Amino acid sequence: MTTFLSLTSTTGGGAPAVTLAVKSLPDKMEPQDMILDPSVPPFKDEAVPASRDTDAAQSKPTLGDILPLSTTQAETKFGSERVPASEDNFATDTLPQNAFTTSTTQLEAKPDPKSPPAATEGHENTVQTSSTDGVSPLAHSLSPATRLKHKLQHSRDLIVCPGVYDGLSARIAQSAGFETLYMTGAGSTASMLGMADLGIASRTDMVRNADMIANLDSHRFELIADMDTGYGGPVTINQTVNQYIRANVAAFHIEDQVLTKRCGHLSGKKVVTNDVFLSRIRAARAAIDNAQADIQLIARTDANQQLGYDECITRLKAARDWGADVGLLEGFKSKEEAARAVKELAPWPLLLNIVENGHSPLITVDEAREMGFRIMIFSFAGLAPAYMAMKGAYAKLKNDGITGIQGTGVGPKVLFDVCGLQEAVHVDEQAGGEDYKSIITASG
């Protein structure tokens, strides 16, 4: 006997319904018996509603169980029994078991919007300590978001990120050996628009810049990006998150400032109510879950300046309960306050933003590591030095008639090498081209 499953999806009153039908057929069949007539309704015997509210349904496969699963998804659903690796999932087979989890949110009962969801695998508020030693290089073929998620869940290392704002700054940071970069909103606004960080950069501006930077070399670095306030209400935030996902961004932070926001290190900041802030977190979390993406959600609060430290902790704890992966308290007033926040929110990972000559004390990498921060971004690490260098060169040109670059060895070839010249020539040669071969040979 052979058993078949028939799936029927019907819609009534706007609510989708799924029915599973089980049919047993004899092993020996005539050819005409194997022809599927689309006009014949699905098997009706042994039909069981696919509802999570009935005991009978729990013994039947769900739609998510029947659809093809990757190795990681199968492990998540069915335990450690492995599924043969395919071309699409071979990279995940090299990672520690249960390193990543995937949920099928379409079949889950809708949560009460007034109550925080219970912690689920993949969003537990814990810091896992599994070592990443021995992870196969094949892991680097995973998405940047998945790699960053794995670092946060399976290591206690401090992830140090220089601030970048355009393609050149990102290339320079990568050439210096950094594996995770941070796209600063202030730097992006200044570089793209020549304007101050007063909420002037639009969602289109930020998505375009993040997309360009994240995909310069996505196999070798991850990008954490500023998302400001999400640029609107829940529907807009949903769209923004999906655009960041498609842009290959590994993580983003969304904050509680009003829409007419400003740089976190300027005076006069105002924040929305905690309810509005949490609606932004819920909208972002739902967008991520619906997309079944690994992009990391960083909840940022700027309330310290206006409402004080205790309100910041209250907001971050609530954001954590609603599924934020990482917390960011912007504008610490002292090193002691920073260390205290890590302890009060442990083991939930916190991100520390350092802006030299800003409103917060300077905390070194070693100090942040000792305090227990998990991510550390230096927002002005590229922008401020670039300003100083360019201003000096332009002033020298204006006053002395030269830039002062001569004799430094920095010329077009050096800059283009940082920007992927060698890789571009290699791609051309692989395709049989010889247009750029002379560039390399002429340079020796």
Protein backbone atom coordinates (compact mmCIF):
# COMPACT_ATOMS: atom_id res chain seq x y z
CA MET A 1 0.00 0.00 0.00
CA THR A 2 1.14 3.55 -0.74
CA THR A 3 -0.02 6.56 1.27
CA PHE A 4 -0.40 10.00 -0.26
CA LEU A 5 -0.94 13.36 1.35
CA SER A 6 -3.23 15.88 -0.32
CA LEU A 7 -3.02 19.53 0.69
CA THR A 8 -5.96 21.84 0.12
CA SER A 9 -5.85 25.58 0.86
CA THR A 10 -9.14 27.42 0.97
CA THR A 11 -10.01 30.97 1.92
CA GLY A 12 -13.23 31.94 3.57
CA GLY A 13 -13.98 35.22 5.21
CA GLY A 14 -10.42 36.36 4.68
CA ALA A 15 -8.95 33.58 6.88
CA PRO A 16 -6.75 30.93 5.25
CA ALA A 17 -7.46 27.28 6.08
CA VAL A 18 -5.30 24.27 5.34
CA THR A 19 -6.65 20.70 5.21
CA LEU A 20 -4.55 17.56 5.20
CA ALA A 21 -6.09 14.44 3.61
CA VAL A 22 -4.54 10.98 3.87
CA LYS A 23 -5.28 8.38 1.20
CA SER A 24 -4.04 4.81 0.98
CA LEU A 25 -3.75 3.33 -2.51
CA PRO A 26 -2.79 -0.21 -3.63
CA ASP A 27 0.79 -0.76 -4.69
CA LYS A 28 -0.33 -2.14 -8.03
CA MET A 29 -2.18 0.44 -10.09
CA GLU A 30 -3.29 0.72 -13.66
CA PRO A 31 -1.82 3.66 -15.65
CA GLN A 32 -5.17 5.40 -15.82
CA ASP A 33 -5.37 5.33 -12.02
CA MET A 34 -2.23 7.44 -11.75
CA ILE A 35 -3.56 10.32 -13.83
CA LEU A 36 -4.44 13.30 -11.66
CA ASP A 37 -7.66 14.96 -12.76
CA PRO A 38 -7.61 18.59 -11.64
CA SER A 39 -11.39 18.66 -11.69
CA VAL A 40 -11.63 15.95 -9.02
CA PRO A 41 -11.62 17.31 -5.47
CA PRO A 42 -8.92 16.14 -3.06
CA PHE A 43 -9.35 12.94 -1.06
CA LYS A 44 -11.92 13.38 1.66
CA ASP A 45 -11.42 10.34 3.85
CA GLU A 46 -9.39 10.81 7.01
CA ALA A 47 -9.34 14.59 6.55
CA VAL A 48 -7.87 16.40 9.53
CA PRO A 49 -7.92 20.20 9.99
CA ALA A 50 -4.36 21.50 10.29
CA SER A 51 -5.03 23.38 13.50
CA ARG A 52 -2.63 23.70 16.40
CA ASP A 53 -5.65 23.84 18.73
CA THR A 54 -6.61 20.16 18.38
CA ASP A 55 -4.85 17.10 19.69
CA ALA A 56 -5.48 15.26 16.45
CA ALA A 57 -3.75 17.94 14.40
CA GLN A 58 -0.66 17.77 16.55
CA SER A 59 -0.11 14.18 15.44
CA LYS A 60 -0.32 15.16 11.77
CA PRO A 61 2.42 16.88 9.75
CA THR A 62 2.14 20.63 9.36
CA LEU A 63 2.61 22.43 6.08
CA GLY A 64 6.07 23.45 7.23
CA ASP A 65 6.95 19.80 7.88
CA ILE A 66 5.98 18.76 4.35
CA LEU A 67 7.72 21.53 2.44
CA PRO A 68 11.39 20.96 1.58
CA LEU A 69 13.67 21.97 4.44
CA SER A 70 17.30 22.93 4.56
CA THR A 71 19.59 20.95 6.84
CA THR A 72 19.45 23.61 9.52
CA GLN A 73 15.66 23.90 9.38
CA ALA A 74 15.28 20.14 9.57
CA GLU A 75 17.52 19.99 12.63
CA THR A 76 15.53 22.76 14.25
CA LYS A 77 12.23 20.97 13.66
CA PHE A 78 13.19 17.33 14.08
CA GLY A 79 16.28 17.31 16.32
CA SER A 80 19.76 16.07 15.53
CA GLU A 81 18.82 13.57 12.80
CA ARG A 82 20.66 14.95 9.79
CA VAL A 83 19.34 15.58 6.32
CA PRO A 84 21.75 14.86 3.44
CA ALA A 85 23.57 18.04 2.46
CA SER A 86 22.64 19.71 -0.79
CA GLU A 87 24.26 22.48 -2.79
CA ASP A 88 22.04 24.94 -0.96
CA ASN A 89 22.74 23.85 2.59
CA PHE A 90 26.23 22.29 2.63
CA ALA A 91 27.76 25.32 4.35
CA THR A 92 25.50 25.03 7.40
CA ASP A 93 26.55 21.41 7.88
CA THR A 94 29.98 22.60 8.95
CA LEU A 95 28.65 24.66 11.85
CA PRO A 96 27.90 23.54 15.41
CA GLN A 97 24.56 21.80 15.79
CA ASN A 98 21.71 24.24 16.46
CA ALA A 99 23.98 27.17 15.66
CA PHE A 100 21.14 28.72 13.70
CA THR A 101 17.40 28.33 13.98
CA THR A 102 14.55 29.06 11.61
CA SER A 103 10.91 29.46 12.57
CA THR A 104 7.87 28.97 10.36
CA THR A 105 5.91 31.97 11.51
CA GLN A 106 3.12 31.57 8.97
CA LEU A 107 1.60 28.66 10.93
CA GLU A 108 2.10 30.09 14.41
CA ALA A 109 -0.89 31.39 16.35
CA LYS A 110 -0.96 35.18 16.41
CA PRO A 111 0.54 36.48 19.67
CA ASP A 112 -1.27 38.88 21.93
CA PRO A 113 0.02 42.31 20.78
CA LYS A 114 -0.22 43.55 24.37
CA SER A 115 2.03 40.88 25.87
CA PRO A 116 5.71 40.23 25.11
CA PRO A 117 6.30 36.85 23.43
CA ALA A 118 7.98 34.01 25.26
CA ALA A 119 11.63 33.50 24.43
CA THR A 120 12.18 31.04 21.58
CA GLU A 121 15.22 29.22 20.31
CA GLY A 122 17.28 31.70 18.36
CA HIS A 123 15.99 34.58 20.49
CA GLU A 124 16.80 33.41 23.99
CA ASN A 125 18.17 36.22 26.10
CA THR A 126 21.41 34.38 26.73
CA VAL A 127 24.98 34.52 25.54
CA GLN A 128 26.11 31.12 24.35
CA THR A 129 29.73 30.25 24.91
CA SER A 130 30.35 27.63 22.23
CA SER A 131 33.75 28.06 20.68
CA THR A 132 34.00 29.01 17.02
CA ASP A 133 37.37 27.24 16.76
CA GLY A 134 37.34 24.62 14.07
CA VAL A 135 34.48 26.10 12.06
CA SER A 136 35.04 25.28 8.43
CA PRO A 137 35.92 28.06 6.01
CA LEU A 138 32.72 27.07 4.21
CA ALA A 139 30.92 29.08 6.90
CA HIS A 140 32.13 32.19 5.11
CA SER A 141 29.76 31.37 2.26
CA LEU A 142 26.85 32.11 4.59
CA SER A 143 25.10 35.45 4.55
CA PRO A 144 26.66 38.31 6.54
CA ALA A 145 23.64 38.34 8.87
CA THR A 146 24.00 34.65 9.63
CA ARG A 147 27.70 35.01 10.30
CA LEU A 148 27.16 37.92 12.69
CA LYS A 149 24.36 36.06 14.47
CA HIS A 150 26.70 33.12 14.91
CA LYS A 151 29.42 35.35 16.38
CA LEU A 152 27.01 36.79 18.92
CA GLN A 153 25.56 33.45 19.94
CA HIS A 154 28.68 31.29 19.96
CA SER A 155 31.44 33.57 21.16
CA ARG A 156 32.11 36.09 23.90
CA ASP A 157 34.52 38.07 21.75
CA LEU A 158 34.10 41.83 21.50
CA ILE A 159 33.25 42.78 17.91
CA VAL A 160 35.01 46.09 17.13
CA CYS A 161 33.62 48.06 14.19
CA PRO A 162 35.07 51.20 12.60
CA GLY A 163 32.58 53.76 11.32
CA VAL A 164 32.34 53.94 7.52
CA TYR A 165 30.19 56.16 5.34
CA ASP A 166 31.03 55.44 1.69
CA GLY A 167 32.73 52.88 -0.52
CA LEU A 168 36.27 54.16 -0.03
CA SER A 169 36.07 54.31 3.76
CA ALA A 170 34.62 50.78 3.80
CA ARG A 171 37.42 49.48 1.55
CA ILE A 172 40.08 51.10 3.74
CA ALA A 173 38.54 49.62 6.89
CA GLN A 174 38.45 46.20 5.29
CA SER A 175 42.07 46.51 4.17
CA ALA A 176 42.99 47.27 7.79
CA GLY A 177 41.66 43.84 8.77
CA PHE A 178 38.20 44.59 10.17
CA GLU A 179 35.56 41.90 9.59
CA THR A 180 32.55 43.93 10.76
CA LEU A 181 31.90 47.54 9.76
CA TYR A 182 29.41 50.14 10.95
CA MET A 183 27.63 52.49 8.54
CA THR A 184 27.19 55.71 10.48
CA GLY A 185 24.12 57.81 9.79
CA ALA A 186 25.97 61.02 10.63
CA GLY A 187 28.82 60.13 8.29
CA SER A 188 26.46 59.02 5.52
CA THR A 189 24.47 62.26 5.76
CA ALA A 190 27.64 64.36 5.68
CA SER A 191 29.20 62.37 2.82
CA MET A 192 26.14 61.87 0.60
CA LEU A 193 24.32 65.13 1.23
CA GLY A 194 26.86 67.49 2.74
CA MET A 195 24.40 68.13 5.57
CA ALA A 196 24.36 67.87 9.36
CA ASP A 197 22.82 64.83 11.04
CA LEU A 198 19.37 66.28 11.73
CA GLY A 199 17.24 63.49 10.32
CA ILE A 200 17.68 64.86 6.81
CA ALA A 201 18.82 61.63 5.14
CA SER A 202 15.82 59.72 3.81
CA ARG A 203 15.18 56.01 3.86
CA THR A 204 16.09 55.88 0.18
CA ASP A 205 19.43 57.58 0.92
CA MET A 206 20.28 55.17 3.72
CA VAL A 207 19.18 51.99 1.95
CA ARG A 208 21.14 52.92 -1.18
CA ASN A 209 24.30 53.62 0.81
CA ALA A 210 23.94 50.47 2.93
CA ASP A 211 23.33 48.34 -0.16
CA MET A 212 26.45 49.66 -1.87
CA ILE A 213 28.71 49.22 1.16
CA ALA A 214 27.36 45.82 2.29
CA ASN A 215 27.88 44.28 -1.14
CA LEU A 216 31.37 45.55 -1.86
CA ASP A 217 32.72 42.27 -0.46
CA SER A 218 29.95 40.57 1.49
CA HIS A 219 31.86 37.29 1.78
CA ARG A 220 34.56 38.94 3.87
CA PHE A 221 32.80 41.45 6.11
CA GLU A 222 29.45 42.17 7.75
CA LEU A 223 27.79 45.58 7.88
CA ILE A 224 25.88 46.99 10.83
CA ALA A 225 23.82 49.97 9.66
CA ASP A 226 22.01 52.91 11.22
CA MET A 227 18.24 52.86 10.59
CA ASP A 228 17.45 56.02 12.58
CA THR A 229 13.79 55.90 13.69
CA GLY A 230 12.66 53.50 10.96
CA TYR A 231 11.41 56.51 8.95
CA GLY A 232 7.74 56.23 9.91
CA GLY A 233 5.10 54.03 11.51
CA PRO A 234 4.87 50.22 11.62
CA VAL A 235 4.06 49.81 7.91
CA THR A 236 7.01 51.98 6.89
CA ILE A 237 9.30 50.20 9.34
CA ASN A 238 8.23 46.86 7.90
CA GLN A 239 9.20 48.02 4.42
CA THR A 240 12.48 49.51 5.66
CA VAL A 241 13.54 46.31 7.41
CA ASN A 242 12.83 44.27 4.29
CA GLN A 243 14.88 46.69 2.21
CA TYR A 244 17.80 46.35 4.63
CA ILE A 245 17.48 42.56 4.44
CA ARG A 246 17.59 42.65 0.64
CA ALA A 247 20.59 45.00 0.85
CA ASN A 248 22.56 42.26 2.67
CA VAL A 249 22.85 44.28 5.89
CA ALA A 250 23.83 42.07 8.84
CA ALA A 251 22.31 44.20 11.63
CA PHE A 252 20.63 47.55 12.16
CA HIS A 253 19.70 49.74 15.09
CA ILE A 254 16.39 51.53 15.42
CA GLU A 255 15.92 54.25 18.02
CA ASP A 256 13.35 56.07 20.14
CA GLN A 257 14.02 59.65 19.06
CA VAL A 258 11.23 61.69 17.49
CA LEU A 259 11.16 61.81 13.69
CA THR A 260 12.83 65.23 13.71
CA LYS A 261 15.85 63.57 15.28
CA ARG A 262 19.47 64.59 15.55
CA CYS A 263 22.89 63.08 16.14
CA GLY A 264 23.01 61.28 19.47
CA HIS A 265 25.82 63.55 20.63
CA LEU A 266 24.01 66.84 20.14
CA SER A 267 22.03 68.59 22.87
CA GLY A 268 18.24 68.92 22.96
CA LYS A 269 17.29 65.36 21.98
CA LYS A 270 13.65 64.33 22.43
CA VAL A 271 12.31 60.82 22.52
CA VAL A 272 8.90 59.27 21.86
CA THR A 273 6.93 57.45 24.55
CA ASN A 274 7.93 53.95 25.50
CA ASP A 275 4.78 52.59 23.82
CA VAL A 276 5.74 54.16 20.51
CA PHE A 277 9.31 52.92 20.87
CA LEU A 278 8.11 49.37 21.51
CA SER A 279 5.76 49.56 18.52
CA ARG A 280 8.85 50.22 16.40
CA ILE A 281 10.60 47.21 17.92
CA ARG A 282 7.57 44.97 17.38
CA ALA A 283 7.22 46.09 13.76
CA ALA A 284 10.90 45.41 13.08
CA ARG A 285 10.80 42.04 14.82
CA ALA A 286 7.70 40.96 12.90
CA ALA A 287 9.28 41.95 9.59
CA ILE A 288 12.38 39.89 10.36
CA ASP A 289 10.37 36.85 11.45
CA ASN A 290 8.06 37.01 8.44
CA ALA A 291 11.09 37.13 6.16
CA GLN A 292 12.72 34.29 8.16
CA ALA A 293 15.90 36.35 8.11
CA ASP A 294 18.94 36.37 10.40
CA ILE A 295 19.46 40.13 10.34
CA GLN A 296 20.10 41.28 13.92
CA LEU A 297 17.75 43.80 15.54
CA ILE A 298 19.50 46.35 17.77
CA ALA A 299 17.21 48.39 20.03
CA ARG A 300 18.66 51.84 20.69
CA THR A 301 17.45 54.32 23.28
CA ASP A 302 18.48 57.98 23.43
CA ALA A 303 16.39 58.66 26.54
CA ASN A 304 19.34 59.18 28.90
CA GLN A 305 19.71 62.87 28.08
CA GLN A 306 16.01 63.70 28.56
CA LEU A 307 14.61 61.07 30.95
CA GLY A 308 17.60 59.55 32.70
CA TYR A 309 19.36 56.22 33.07
CA ASP A 310 16.57 54.27 34.79
CA GLU A 311 14.15 54.98 31.94
CA CYS A 312 16.76 53.74 29.47
CA ILE A 313 17.04 50.42 31.32
CA THR A 314 13.25 50.09 31.46
CA ARG A 315 13.00 50.64 27.71
CA LEU A 316 15.80 48.28 26.83
CA LYS A 317 14.42 45.48 29.01
CA ALA A 318 11.04 45.82 27.31
CA ALA A 319 12.68 45.84 23.87
CA ARG A 320 14.62 42.71 24.83
CA ASP A 321 11.37 41.00 25.86
CA TRP A 322 9.89 41.87 22.47
CA GLY A 323 12.72 40.13 20.63
CA ALA A 324 15.49 42.68 20.11
CA ASP A 325 18.77 40.79 19.69
CA VAL A 326 21.08 43.52 21.04
CA GLY A 327 20.69 46.70 23.09
CA LEU A 328 22.26 50.12 22.65
CA LEU A 329 22.12 52.83 25.30
CA GLU A 330 23.28 55.99 23.58
CA GLY A 331 25.01 58.74 25.54
CA PHE A 332 26.44 57.21 28.71
CA LYS A 333 27.33 59.92 31.22
CA SER A 334 30.18 57.99 32.86
CA LYS A 335 32.21 54.81 32.61
CA GLU A 336 30.51 53.58 35.76
CA GLU A 337 27.12 54.00 34.12
CA ALA A 338 28.26 51.98 31.12
CA ALA A 339 29.56 49.12 33.27
CA ARG A 340 26.36 49.18 35.33
CA ALA A 341 24.18 48.84 32.23
CA VAL A 342 26.04 45.73 31.08
CA LYS A 343 25.52 44.09 34.47
CA GLU A 344 21.85 45.03 34.74
CA LEU A 345 21.03 43.70 31.27
CA ALA A 346 23.32 40.65 31.28
CA PRO A 347 23.52 38.26 29.60
CA TRP A 348 21.74 40.17 26.83
CA PRO A 349 24.43 41.59 24.50
CA LEU A 350 25.00 45.35 24.50
CA LEU A 351 26.56 47.58 21.86
CA LEU A 352 28.74 50.53 22.88
CA ASN A 353 28.95 53.59 20.63
CA ILE A 354 32.11 55.67 21.00
CA VAL A 355 32.21 59.19 19.56
CA GLU A 356 35.45 60.94 20.42
CA ASN A 357 34.90 64.53 21.60
CA GLY A 358 31.18 63.80 21.95
CA HIS A 359 28.92 63.75 25.03
CA SER A 360 30.15 60.43 26.42
CA PRO A 361 33.45 59.50 28.11
CA LEU A 362 36.12 57.82 26.03
CA ILE A 363 36.15 54.08 26.70
CA THR A 364 38.93 51.99 25.18
CA VAL A 365 38.51 48.62 23.53
CA ASP A 366 40.18 46.89 26.47
CA GLU A 367 37.90 48.66 28.94
CA ALA A 368 34.79 47.78 26.94
CA ARG A 369 35.89 44.15 26.74
CA GLU A 370 36.44 44.08 30.50
CA MET A 371 32.98 45.57 31.12
CA GLY A 372 31.38 42.87 28.97
CA PHE A 373 30.15 44.75 25.91
CA ARG A 374 29.69 42.51 22.84
CA ILE A 375 29.85 45.08 20.01
CA MET A 376 31.75 48.36 19.94
CA ILE A 377 31.37 50.92 17.16
CA PHE A 378 33.55 53.98 16.57
CA SER A 379 31.17 56.12 14.54
CA PHE A 380 33.65 58.90 13.70
CA ALA A 381 36.72 56.67 13.22
CA GLY A 382 36.72 57.42 9.49
CA LEU A 383 34.87 60.70 9.19
CA ALA A 384 36.92 62.81 11.63
CA PRO A 385 40.38 61.72 10.36
CA ALA A 386 39.22 62.20 6.76
CA TYR A 387 38.05 65.71 7.61
CA MET A 388 41.37 66.56 9.25
CA ALA A 389 43.47 65.12 6.41
CA MET A 390 41.48 66.74 3.61
CA LYS A 391 41.24 70.09 5.37
CA GLY A 392 45.02 70.08 5.84
CA ALA A 393 45.71 69.17 2.21
CA TYR A 394 43.24 71.73 0.86
CA ALA A 395 44.64 74.45 3.11
CA LYS A 396 48.16 73.64 1.98
CA LEU A 397 47.07 73.78 -1.65
CA LYS A 398 45.40 77.13 -1.07
CA ASN A 399 48.34 78.64 0.80
CA ASP A 400 51.40 76.94 -0.72
CA GLY A 401 50.21 75.82 -4.13
CA ILE A 402 50.87 72.12 -3.40
CA THR A 403 48.96 69.41 -1.56
CA GLY A 404 51.85 67.78 0.24
CA ILE A 405 50.98 64.37 -1.18
CA GLN A 406 54.06 64.16 -3.39
CA GLY A 407 56.60 61.77 -1.91
CA THR A 408 54.11 59.84 0.20
CA GLY A 409 53.80 57.07 -2.37
CA VAL A 410 50.02 57.39 -2.41
CA GLY A 411 48.92 57.58 -6.04
CA PRO A 412 46.10 56.23 -8.21
CA LYS A 413 47.39 52.64 -8.22
CA VAL A 414 47.57 52.47 -4.42
CA LEU A 415 44.04 53.79 -4.00
CA PHE A 416 42.63 51.58 -6.74
CA ASP A 417 44.27 48.50 -5.23
CA VAL A 418 42.37 49.22 -2.02
CA CYS A 419 39.21 49.50 -4.10
CA GLY A 420 39.53 46.05 -5.67
CA LEU A 421 41.67 46.66 -8.74
CA GLN A 422 43.41 43.29 -8.52
CA GLU A 423 40.12 41.44 -8.14
CA ALA A 424 38.60 43.26 -11.12
CA VAL A 425 41.56 42.36 -13.33
CA HIS A 426 41.32 38.74 -12.19
CA VAL A 427 37.61 38.61 -13.08
CA ASP A 428 38.39 39.99 -16.54
CA GLU A 429 41.15 37.43 -17.11
CA GLN A 430 38.95 34.55 -15.96
CA ALA A 431 36.46 35.51 -18.66
CA GLY A 432 39.25 35.47 -21.26
CA GLY A 433 39.72 39.21 -21.39
CA GLU A 434 43.07 40.97 -21.63
CA ASP A 435 41.90 44.58 -21.51
CA TYR A 436 43.35 45.27 -18.06
CA LYS A 437 46.30 42.87 -17.97
CA SER A 438 48.72 45.66 -18.83
CA ILE A 439 47.74 47.51 -15.66
CA ILE A 440 49.32 44.79 -13.51
CA THR A 441 52.31 43.96 -15.74
CA ALA A 442 53.22 47.62 -16.22
CA SER A 443 53.20 48.10 -12.45
CA GLY A 444 55.64 45.27 -11.98
